[in-house]
Amino acid sequence: MVELYQMEHCPYCAKVRMAMEEMDIDFIARNVPKGSLKRKFLVALGGKEQVPFLVDTDNPAAPVTMYESDDIISYLKEKYAR
């Protein structure tokens, strides 16, 4: 399962969402607006409050987590592009 921690109006998050939609990847978008208590969970997952943040649990023994829209898109293209 692919989860994207994001903010609706963030251009970097939108870039990742659009790429995922173009690649026809099913994903869960988790909104973590500034000031939200959900940000603590985001920090617990990845260490920063930064978005976009991707979590790919396709391999539960070794989930992939990453920041940076370009890095996320490159990873998704390598793994999921058809």
Protein backbone atom coordinates (compact mmCIF):
# COMPACT_ATOMS: atom_id res chain seq x y z
CA MET A 1 0.00 0.00 0.00
CA VAL A 2 1.26 3.46 -0.89
CA GLU A 3 0.47 6.35 1.42
CA LEU A 4 1.21 9.98 0.68
CA TYR A 5 1.36 12.40 3.59
CA GLN A 6 0.57 15.76 2.09
CA MET A 7 -1.17 19.12 2.18
CA GLU A 8 -3.83 19.84 -0.44
CA HIS A 9 -2.43 23.18 -1.60
CA CYS A 10 1.24 22.25 -1.59
CA PRO A 11 2.59 22.35 -5.17
CA TYR A 12 5.16 19.62 -4.46
CA CYS A 13 2.45 17.34 -3.09
CA ALA A 14 0.26 18.07 -6.12
CA LYS A 15 3.16 17.14 -8.39
CA VAL A 16 3.46 13.74 -6.68
CA ARG A 17 -0.31 13.15 -6.72
CA MET A 18 -0.49 13.95 -10.44
CA ALA A 19 2.40 11.57 -11.19
CA MET A 20 0.75 8.80 -9.19
CA GLU A 21 -2.54 9.34 -11.00
CA GLU A 22 -0.78 9.28 -14.39
CA MET A 23 0.91 6.00 -13.43
CA ASP A 24 -2.46 4.63 -12.23
CA ILE A 25 -1.12 3.91 -8.74
CA ASP A 26 -3.67 3.32 -6.01
CA PHE A 27 -2.72 5.34 -2.96
CA ILE A 28 -4.04 6.81 0.24
CA ALA A 29 -3.62 10.56 0.65
CA ARG A 30 -3.21 11.58 4.28
CA ASN A 31 -3.67 15.28 4.87
CA VAL A 32 -1.39 16.73 7.53
CA PRO A 33 -2.03 20.49 7.55
CA LYS A 34 0.28 22.86 9.39
CA GLY A 35 -0.61 23.04 13.06
CA SER A 36 -2.39 19.68 13.00
CA LEU A 37 -1.77 17.11 15.70
CA LYS A 38 -1.24 14.66 12.83
CA ARG A 39 2.15 16.30 12.32
CA LYS A 40 3.45 14.50 15.42
CA PHE A 41 2.65 11.19 13.75
CA LEU A 42 4.44 12.37 10.61
CA VAL A 43 7.54 13.20 12.66
CA ALA A 44 7.35 9.79 14.36
CA LEU A 45 7.27 8.10 10.94
CA GLY A 46 10.00 10.00 9.16
CA GLY A 47 11.68 12.39 11.55
CA LYS A 48 10.50 15.63 9.94
CA GLU A 49 7.30 17.61 9.45
CA GLN A 50 8.09 17.92 5.75
CA VAL A 51 5.61 17.00 3.02
CA PRO A 52 5.28 15.26 0.67
CA PHE A 53 6.26 12.11 2.53
CA LEU A 54 5.78 8.70 0.95
CA VAL A 55 5.34 5.40 2.76
CA ASP A 56 5.28 2.26 0.62
CA THR A 57 4.48 -0.88 2.58
CA ASP A 58 4.48 -3.21 -0.44
CA ASN A 59 7.18 -5.13 1.43
CA PRO A 60 6.04 -4.93 5.08
CA ALA A 61 9.39 -6.27 6.30
CA ALA A 62 11.18 -3.31 4.70
CA PRO A 63 8.81 -0.38 4.09
CA VAL A 64 10.13 2.42 1.91
CA THR A 65 9.85 5.96 3.27
CA MET A 66 11.04 9.13 1.60
CA TYR A 67 10.72 12.88 1.24
CA GLU A 68 11.31 15.17 -1.78
CA SER A 69 8.85 15.13 -4.66
CA ASP A 70 11.42 14.36 -7.38
CA ASP A 71 12.88 11.45 -5.39
CA ILE A 72 9.39 10.09 -4.74
CA ILE A 73 8.42 10.30 -8.42
CA SER A 74 11.67 8.62 -9.52
CA TYR A 75 11.09 5.79 -7.06
CA LEU A 76 7.49 5.32 -8.20
CA LYS A 77 8.52 5.26 -11.87
CA GLU A 78 11.12 2.58 -11.17
CA LYS A 79 8.77 0.44 -9.14
CA TYR A 80 5.31 0.97 -10.57
CA ALA A 81 5.50 2.37 -14.11
CA ARG A 82 3.94 0.03 -16.64
